[in-house]
Structure formats: structure tokens, C-alpha cells
C-alpha atoms as a PDB file:
ATOM      1  CA  MET A   1       2.802-128.768-145.353  1.00  0.00           C
ATOM      2  CA  THR A   2       0.990-126.204-142.904  1.00  0.00           C
ATOM      3  CA  HIS A   3       0.434-122.730-144.030  1.00  0.00           C
ATOM      4  CA  PRO A   4       1.862-119.812-141.905  1.00  0.00           C
ATOM      5  CA  ALA A   5      -0.941-118.487-139.384  1.00  0.00           C
ATOM      6  CA  ARG A   6      -0.741-115.416-141.589  1.00  0.00           C
ATOM      7  CA  SER A   7       0.402-114.762-145.161  1.00  0.00           C
ATOM      8  CA  ALA A   8       0.092-112.076-147.798  1.00  0.00           C
ATOM      9  CA  ARG A   9       0.583-113.734-151.365  1.00  0.00           C
ATOM     10  CA  PHE A  10      -0.637-111.233-154.156  1.00  0.00           C
ATOM     11  CA  LEU A  11      -0.365-110.005-157.605  1.00  0.00           C
ATOM     12  CA  ILE A  12      -1.148-106.257-158.965  1.00  0.00           C
ATOM     13  CA  VAL A  13      -2.246-105.960-162.064  1.00  0.00           C
ATOM     14  CA  GLY A  14      -2.858-103.064-164.536  1.00  0.00           C
ATOM     15  CA  PRO A  15      -2.399-101.599-167.775  1.00  0.00           C
ATOM     16  CA  GLN A  16       0.986 -99.209-168.149  1.00  0.00           C
ATOM     17  CA  GLY A  17       0.099 -96.177-166.102  1.00  0.00           C
ATOM     18  CA  SER A  18      -2.151 -97.333-163.950  1.00  0.00           C
ATOM     19  CA  GLY A  19      -0.031 -97.199-161.069  1.00  0.00           C
ATOM     20  CA  LYS A  20       0.607-100.772-159.656  1.00  0.00           C
ATOM     21  CA  GLY A  21       3.751-100.013-159.354  1.00  0.00           C
ATOM     22  CA  THR A  22       3.522 -97.094-156.407  1.00  0.00           C
ATOM     23  CA  GLN A  23       0.124 -98.962-155.168  1.00  0.00           C
ATOM     24  CA  GLY A  24       2.342-102.455-155.117  1.00  0.00           C
ATOM     25  CA  VAL A  25       5.043-100.855-152.902  1.00  0.00           C
ATOM     26  CA  LEU A  26       2.471 -99.289-150.245  1.00  0.00           C
ATOM     27  CA  VAL A  27       0.747-102.678-150.227  1.00  0.00           C
ATOM     28  CA  ALA A  28       3.894-104.841-149.634  1.00  0.00           C
ATOM     29  CA  GLU A  29       5.518-102.005-146.896  1.00  0.00           C
ATOM     30  CA  ALA A  30       1.802-102.794-145.228  1.00  0.00           C
ATOM     31  CA  PHE A  31       2.129-106.027-145.073  1.00  0.00           C
ATOM     32  CA  ASP A  32       5.728-106.162-144.711  1.00  0.00           C
ATOM     33  CA  VAL A  33       6.404-109.191-147.477  1.00  0.00           C
ATOM     34  CA  PRO A  34       8.738-107.479-150.293  1.00  0.00           C
ATOM     35  CA  GLN A  35       7.567-106.117-153.820  1.00  0.00           C
ATOM     36  CA  VAL A  36       8.688-108.506-156.539  1.00  0.00           C
ATOM     37  CA  ALA A  37       8.751-106.615-159.825  1.00  0.00           C
ATOM     38  CA  THR A  38      10.221-108.574-162.700  1.00  0.00           C
ATOM     39  CA  GLY A  39      11.575-105.290-164.148  1.00  0.00           C
ATOM     40  CA  ASP A  40      13.720-105.322-161.216  1.00  0.00           C
ATOM     41  CA  ILE A  41      15.022-108.864-161.106  1.00  0.00           C
ATOM     42  CA  PHE A  42      15.832-108.972-164.200  1.00  0.00           C
ATOM     43  CA  ARG A  43      18.039-105.358-163.624  1.00  0.00           C
ATOM     44  CA  GLU A  44      19.370-107.361-160.725  1.00  0.00           C
ATOM     45  CA  ASN A  45      20.398-110.541-162.378  1.00  0.00           C
ATOM     46  CA  VAL A  46      22.400-108.738-165.273  1.00  0.00           C
ATOM     47  CA  LYS A  47      24.109-105.914-162.589  1.00  0.00           C
ATOM     48  CA  GLY A  48      25.039-109.009-160.056  1.00  0.00           C
ATOM     49  CA  GLY A  49      26.487-110.947-163.560  1.00  0.00           C
ATOM     50  CA  THR A  50      24.414-114.517-162.326  1.00  0.00           C
ATOM     51  CA  GLU A  51      24.033-117.087-164.952  1.00  0.00           C
ATOM     52  CA  LEU A  52      20.629-116.147-165.276  1.00  0.00           C
ATOM     53  CA  GLY A  53      21.161-112.565-165.801  1.00  0.00           C
ATOM     54  CA  LYS A  54      24.036-112.869-168.580  1.00  0.00           C
ATOM     55  CA  GLN A  55      21.186-114.757-170.615  1.00  0.00           C
ATOM     56  CA  VAL A  56      18.754-112.137-169.746  1.00  0.00           C
ATOM     57  CA  GLN A  57      21.005-109.539-171.501  1.00  0.00           C
ATOM     58  CA  ALA A  58      21.841-111.472-174.184  1.00  0.00           C
ATOM     59  CA  ILE A  59      18.088-111.843-174.848  1.00  0.00           C
ATOM     60  CA  ILE A  60      17.250-108.102-174.467  1.00  0.00           C
ATOM     61  CA  GLU A  61      20.562-106.885-176.274  1.00  0.00           C
ATOM     62  CA  ALA A  62      19.392-108.978-179.262  1.00  0.00           C
ATOM     63  CA  GLY A  63      16.049-106.938-179.095  1.00  0.00           C
ATOM     64  CA  ASP A  64      14.330-110.056-177.984  1.00  0.00           C
ATOM     65  CA  LEU A  65      11.546-110.512-175.363  1.00  0.00           C
ATOM     66  CA  VAL A  66      12.607-112.516-172.223  1.00  0.00           C
ATOM     67  CA  PRO A  67      11.215-116.226-172.563  1.00  0.00           C
ATOM     68  CA  ASP A  68       8.364-117.541-169.939  1.00  0.00           C
ATOM     69  CA  GLU A  69      10.758-120.223-169.036  1.00  0.00           C
ATOM     70  CA  LEU A  70      13.640-117.666-168.080  1.00  0.00           C
ATOM     71  CA  THR A  71      11.514-115.422-166.576  1.00  0.00           C
ATOM     72  CA  SER A  72       9.664-117.996-164.315  1.00  0.00           C
ATOM     73  CA  GLU A  73      13.341-119.148-163.280  1.00  0.00           C
ATOM     74  CA  LEU A  74      13.915-116.124-162.166  1.00  0.00           C
ATOM     75  CA  VAL A  75      11.018-115.122-160.678  1.00  0.00           C
ATOM     76  CA  ARG A  76      10.826-118.525-158.683  1.00  0.00           C
ATOM     77  CA  ASP A  77      14.505-118.129-157.886  1.00  0.00           C
ATOM     78  CA  ARG A  78      13.787-114.581-156.114  1.00  0.00           C
ATOM     79  CA  LEU A  79      10.188-115.981-154.652  1.00  0.00           C
ATOM     80  CA  ALA A  80      12.189-118.774-152.517  1.00  0.00           C
ATOM     81  CA  GLN A  81      14.499-116.303-150.652  1.00  0.00           C
ATOM     82  CA  PRO A  82      14.008-115.691-147.030  1.00  0.00           C
ATOM     83  CA  ASP A  83      12.161-112.593-147.145  1.00  0.00           C
ATOM     84  CA  ALA A  84       9.377-113.508-149.081  1.00  0.00           C
ATOM     85  CA  ALA A  85       8.469-116.911-147.002  1.00  0.00           C
ATOM     86  CA  GLY A  86       5.461-114.838-145.425  1.00  0.00           C
ATOM     87  CA  GLY A  87       4.243-113.318-148.526  1.00  0.00           C
ATOM     88  CA  PHE A  88       4.999-110.949-151.135  1.00  0.00           C
ATOM     89  CA  VAL A  89       3.656-108.628-153.846  1.00  0.00           C
ATOM     90  CA  LEU A  90       3.825-109.417-157.061  1.00  0.00           C
ATOM     91  CA  ASP A  91       4.701-106.319-159.913  1.00  0.00           C
ATOM     92  CA  GLY A  92       4.534-107.621-163.810  1.00  0.00           C
ATOM     93  CA  TYR A  93       4.302-111.510-163.809  1.00  0.00           C
ATOM     94  CA  PRO A  94       2.375-113.498-164.475  1.00  0.00           C
ATOM     95  CA  ARG A  95       2.266-111.520-167.691  1.00  0.00           C
ATOM     96  CA  ASN A  96       0.414-114.362-169.602  1.00  0.00           C
ATOM     97  CA  ARG A  97      -1.649-117.967-169.170  1.00  0.00           C
ATOM     98  CA  GLY A  98       1.489-119.623-169.447  1.00  0.00           C
ATOM     99  CA  GLN A  99       3.191-117.774-166.687  1.00  0.00           C
ATOM    100  CA  VAL A 100       0.066-118.737-164.555  1.00  0.00           C
ATOM    101  CA  ALA A 101       0.624-122.143-164.634  1.00  0.00           C
ATOM    102  CA  HIS A 102       4.209-121.694-163.923  1.00  0.00           C
ATOM    103  CA  LEU A 103       3.680-119.599-160.607  1.00  0.00           C
ATOM    104  CA  ASP A 104       0.978-122.168-160.094  1.00  0.00           C
ATOM    105  CA  GLU A 105       3.147-124.975-159.461  1.00  0.00           C
ATOM    106  CA  PHE A 106       5.574-123.092-158.240  1.00  0.00           C
ATOM    107  CA  LEU A 107       3.417-122.010-155.249  1.00  0.00           C
ATOM    108  CA  ALA A 108       1.679-125.481-155.099  1.00  0.00           C
ATOM    109  CA  GLY A 109       5.417-127.724-154.942  1.00  0.00           C
ATOM    110  CA  ARG A 110       5.652-125.405-151.656  1.00  0.00           C
ATOM    111  CA  GLY A 111       2.137-125.679-150.103  1.00  0.00           C
ATOM    112  CA  GLU A 112       1.452-122.050-150.994  1.00  0.00           C
ATOM    113  CA  ALA A 113      -1.563-120.279-152.923  1.00  0.00           C
ATOM    114  CA  LEU A 114      -2.548-116.659-153.958  1.00  0.00           C
ATOM    115  CA  ASP A 115      -4.322-114.749-151.215  1.00  0.00           C
ATOM    116  CA  ALA A 116      -5.892-112.087-153.300  1.00  0.00           C
ATOM    117  CA  VAL A 117      -5.262-110.444-157.091  1.00  0.00           C
ATOM    118  CA  ILE A 118      -5.234-106.735-156.844  1.00  0.00           C
ATOM    119  CA  GLU A 119      -6.757-105.353-160.218  1.00  0.00           C
ATOM    120  CA  LEU A 120      -6.573-101.392-160.687  1.00  0.00           C
ATOM    121  CA  ALA A 121      -9.119-100.703-163.606  1.00  0.00           C
ATOM    122  CA  VAL A 122      -8.240 -97.706-165.906  1.00  0.00           C
ATOM    123  CA  PRO A 123      -9.967 -96.598-168.858  1.00  0.00           C
ATOM    124  CA  ARG A 124      -7.428 -96.498-171.846  1.00  0.00           C
ATOM    125  CA  ASP A 125      -7.874 -92.828-172.241  1.00  0.00           C
ATOM    126  CA  GLU A 126      -6.578 -92.438-168.990  1.00  0.00           C
ATOM    127  CA  SER A 127      -3.526 -94.738-169.388  1.00  0.00           C
ATOM    128  CA  ILE A 128      -2.435 -93.369-172.425  1.00  0.00           C
ATOM    129  CA  ALA A 129      -3.159 -89.288-171.082  1.00  0.00           C
ATOM    130  CA  ARG A 130      -1.043 -90.422-167.933  1.00  0.00           C
ATOM    131  CA  LEU A 131       1.980 -91.935-170.017  1.00  0.00           C
ATOM    132  CA  ARG A 132       1.985 -89.093-172.330  1.00  0.00           C
ATOM    133  CA  GLN A 133       2.690 -86.525-169.391  1.00  0.00           C
ATOM    134  CA  ARG A 134       4.888 -89.082-167.796  1.00  0.00           C
ATOM    135  CA  ALA A 135       7.194 -89.219-171.030  1.00  0.00           C
ATOM    136  CA  LEU A 136       7.055 -85.534-171.178  1.00  0.00           C
ATOM    137  CA  ASP A 137       8.204 -84.997-167.938  1.00  0.00           C
ATOM    138  CA  GLN A 138      11.126 -87.295-168.116  1.00  0.00           C
ATOM    139  CA  GLY A 139      12.411 -86.061-171.096  1.00  0.00           C
ATOM    140  CA  ARG A 140      11.012 -89.302-173.466  1.00  0.00           C
ATOM    141  CA  THR A 141      10.648 -88.518-177.009  1.00  0.00           C
ATOM    142  CA  ASP A 142      10.283 -92.113-177.758  1.00  0.00           C
ATOM    143  CA  ASP A 143       7.426 -92.661-175.923  1.00  0.00           C
ATOM    144  CA  THR A 144       5.182 -91.584-178.739  1.00  0.00           C
ATOM    145  CA  GLU A 145       1.292 -91.549-178.691  1.00  0.00           C
ATOM    146  CA  GLU A 146       1.894 -94.879-181.178  1.00  0.00           C
ATOM    147  CA  VAL A 147       4.645 -96.621-178.793  1.00  0.00           C
ATOM    148  CA  ILE A 148       2.347 -96.135-175.281  1.00  0.00           C
ATOM    149  CA  ALA A 149      -0.673 -97.359-177.643  1.00  0.00           C
ATOM    150  CA  ASN A 150       0.951-100.690-178.507  1.00  0.00           C
ATOM    151  CA  ARG A 151       1.825-101.503-175.312  1.00  0.00           C
ATOM    152  CA  LEU A 152      -1.822-100.931-173.807  1.00  0.00           C
ATOM    153  CA  ALA A 153      -2.508-103.158-176.728  1.00  0.00           C
ATOM    154  CA  ILE A 154      -0.388-105.908-175.803  1.00  0.00           C
ATOM    155  CA  TYR A 155      -1.323-105.640-171.964  1.00  0.00           C
ATOM    156  CA  GLU A 156      -4.998-105.738-173.271  1.00  0.00           C
ATOM    157  CA  ARG A 157      -3.994-109.150-175.651  1.00  0.00           C
ATOM    158  CA  GLU A 158      -1.638-111.184-173.386  1.00  0.00           C
ATOM    159  CA  THR A 159      -1.804-109.592-169.722  1.00  0.00           C
ATOM    160  CA  ALA A 160      -5.753-108.840-169.480  1.00  0.00           C
ATOM    161  CA  PRO A 161      -6.894-112.653-169.603  1.00  0.00           C
ATOM    162  CA  ILE A 162      -4.945-113.498-166.948  1.00  0.00           C
ATOM    163  CA  LEU A 163      -7.401-112.240-164.858  1.00  0.00           C
ATOM    164  CA  ASP A 164     -10.157-114.621-166.372  1.00  0.00           C
ATOM    165  CA  VAL A 165      -8.159-117.134-164.699  1.00  0.00           C
ATOM    166  CA  TYR A 166      -8.113-115.631-161.341  1.00  0.00           C
ATOM    167  CA  ARG A 167     -11.867-114.608-161.459  1.00  0.00           C
ATOM    168  CA  GLU A 168     -12.648-118.326-162.218  1.00  0.00           C
ATOM    169  CA  ARG A 169     -10.946-118.883-158.822  1.00  0.00           C
ATOM    170  CA  ASP A 170     -12.905-115.931-157.155  1.00  0.00           C
ATOM    171  CA  LEU A 171      -8.941-114.029-156.038  1.00  0.00           C
ATOM    172  CA  VAL A 172      -9.340-110.752-158.228  1.00  0.00           C
ATOM    173  CA  LEU A 173     -10.459-107.307-156.452  1.00  0.00           C
ATOM    174  CA  ARG A 174     -11.507-104.901-158.658  1.00  0.00           C
ATOM    175  CA  ILE A 175     -10.466-101.658-158.024  1.00  0.00           C
ATOM    176  CA  ASP A 176     -11.061 -97.910-159.835  1.00  0.00           C
ATOM    177  CA  GLY A 177      -7.652 -96.647-160.596  1.00  0.00           C
ATOM    178  CA  VAL A 178      -9.182 -93.395-160.799  1.00  0.00           C
ATOM    179  CA  GLY A 179      -8.302 -90.332-158.284  1.00  0.00           C
ATOM    180  CA  THR A 180      -5.968 -89.568-155.813  1.00  0.00           C
ATOM    181  CA  LEU A 181      -3.141 -91.877-154.947  1.00  0.00           C
ATOM    182  CA  ASP A 182      -4.398 -91.779-151.124  1.00  0.00           C
ATOM    183  CA  ASP A 183      -7.746 -92.635-153.072  1.00  0.00           C
ATOM    184  CA  VAL A 184      -6.928 -95.217-154.872  1.00  0.00           C
ATOM    185  CA  THR A 185      -4.622 -96.648-151.869  1.00  0.00           C
ATOM    186  CA  GLY A 186      -8.003 -96.505-149.562  1.00  0.00           C
ATOM    187  CA  ARG A 187     -10.203 -98.806-152.095  1.00  0.00           C
ATOM    188  CA  ILE A 188      -7.274-101.371-152.342  1.00  0.00           C
ATOM    189  CA  PHE A 189      -6.878-101.599-148.226  1.00  0.00           C
ATOM    190  CA  ASP A 190     -10.890-101.793-148.022  1.00  0.00           C
ATOM    191  CA  ALA A 191     -11.042-104.485-150.688  1.00  0.00           C
ATOM    192  CA  LEU A 192      -8.620-106.442-148.630  1.00  0.00           C
ATOM    193  CA  ALA A 193     -10.091-106.034-145.466  1.00  0.00           C
ATOM    194  CA  GLU A 194     -13.495-106.867-146.730  1.00  0.00           C
ATOM    195  CA  ARG A 195     -11.635-110.039-147.885  1.00  0.00           C
ATOM    196  CA  GLY A 196     -10.011-110.209-144.565  1.00  0.00           C
ATOM    197  CA  LEU A 197      -6.177-109.342-145.505  1.00  0.00           C
ATOM    198  CA  VAL A 198      -5.605-106.288-142.456  1.00  0.00           C
ATOM    199  CA  PRO A 199      -2.207-105.569-141.735  1.00  0.00           C
ATOM    200  CA  ASN A 200      -1.136-106.480-138.447  1.00  0.00           C
ATOM    201  CA  GLY A 201      -4.263-107.856-137.268  1.00  0.00           C
ATOM    202  CA  ASP A 202      -5.590-110.517-135.798  1.00  0.00           C
ATOM    203  CA  GLY A 203      -5.517-113.757-138.093  1.00  0.00           C
ATOM    204  CA  ALA A 204      -4.978-110.973-140.891  1.00  0.00           C
ATOM    205  CA  ALA A 205      -4.862-112.907-144.322  1.00  0.00           C
ATOM    206  CA  ALA A 206      -6.309-116.052-145.387  1.00  0.00           C
ATOM    207  CA  THR A 207      -3.785-118.644-145.808  1.00  0.00           C
ATOM    208  CA  GLY A 208      -4.899-119.631-149.871  1.00  0.00           C
ATOM    209  CA  ALA A 209      -6.034-122.856-148.602  1.00  0.00           C
ATOM    210  CA  ALA A 210      -9.089-124.056-150.328  1.00  0.00           C
END
């Protein structure tokens, strides 16, 4: 299968409080591709009453985590939609090595590959401070420091190791996530540009081919 002349297939990875949701939207808008966040996919399928959504709802209501295979099936379904044909920004997936393998298999089956993995690096203390402030702003009294620390521990244990996989493929762009929104956004686009990944430019994005 031939690649499109221009693609923008990105992951954005970072701990809770790193700002990856906001930055992911900005990157997606610049490259005119959808931001694909697993939380949104879960909510849309549950709200839409799809068969996959019913499975997700039952699992969440039981207080369990959505299994890797079901999560991957939902993501594959979303990435197969026409608006993701030229690329996407994945946020919240893959979360672990098992999901990395699922994504690899899906993309390989389409003759595609990732163009870059954007890592937003934020110190643990900074993440905790941001999440505590967010909880206060939103009146979320259940977001205690202990709960926040546990979420970060899960990220460090399960998700951070996927970066090692992508570093071996020379895909990771490590971005300092501390600073103003504009500062961090600028760093992301500068790093992408160094890889030839520029919105609306001639030959803007690498095809992902080896």
C-alpha cells in the first residue's frame, strides 16, 4: 500500500496534569486531523448505545478497568473512520505495552506507521500541584493528594515504559512541559519541524516508512 504524500500520525504521552489534552487538540487542529482520546471514545460509545459501548458501560459500572482488547477494538473502530485517514493525535492510548502491540498490528495492516511520539515531561511535584489546583477549581473533593499520587504511580508503572519501545524506534520527541501554554506549544512544533513534520508545508510529514 502506498502512503499518502503527507501524514500526521502522532501519539501524545504524559502524566496527568501535563497538559497533554490541551496540547493534543492544538496539534490536531494545526495538522487538520482528529484528536482521538480514549475517554471521549468510551463516552461516545456508551452514549450512542453501541454494542461496544454496552460492554464498556457494564465494565465501568462494575468498577473494573476496560480490558486492553476492548479498548483497542474501540480505538481501531475510531481510527478506521474517514476523518482519520490522513492522520490522528492519539491521547490516552496506548497505555501499556500490550496496547502498543495492538496499535502496531492495526497500523501495519493498513500499511501505515507512526510519525512521532510527543512526550510531555513534567516533574512529579509539578503534576501533583497542577492536579490539586484543578481539583480545587472544579470542586472535586475526592481528588486528594493520595488519589492523585496513585494515578501518577499507575502512569509511571504502566504507561511510561511504552516510551522505551518508541525510543528504540527513534520516534520520541521529549518536550519540557513546564512553562506557559504557548511556551510548551512552541517547543512541540519546533521539535516536530526538526523531523520535517510541519502543518501545511510541502512534503510536510514523513510517511512513517522505514
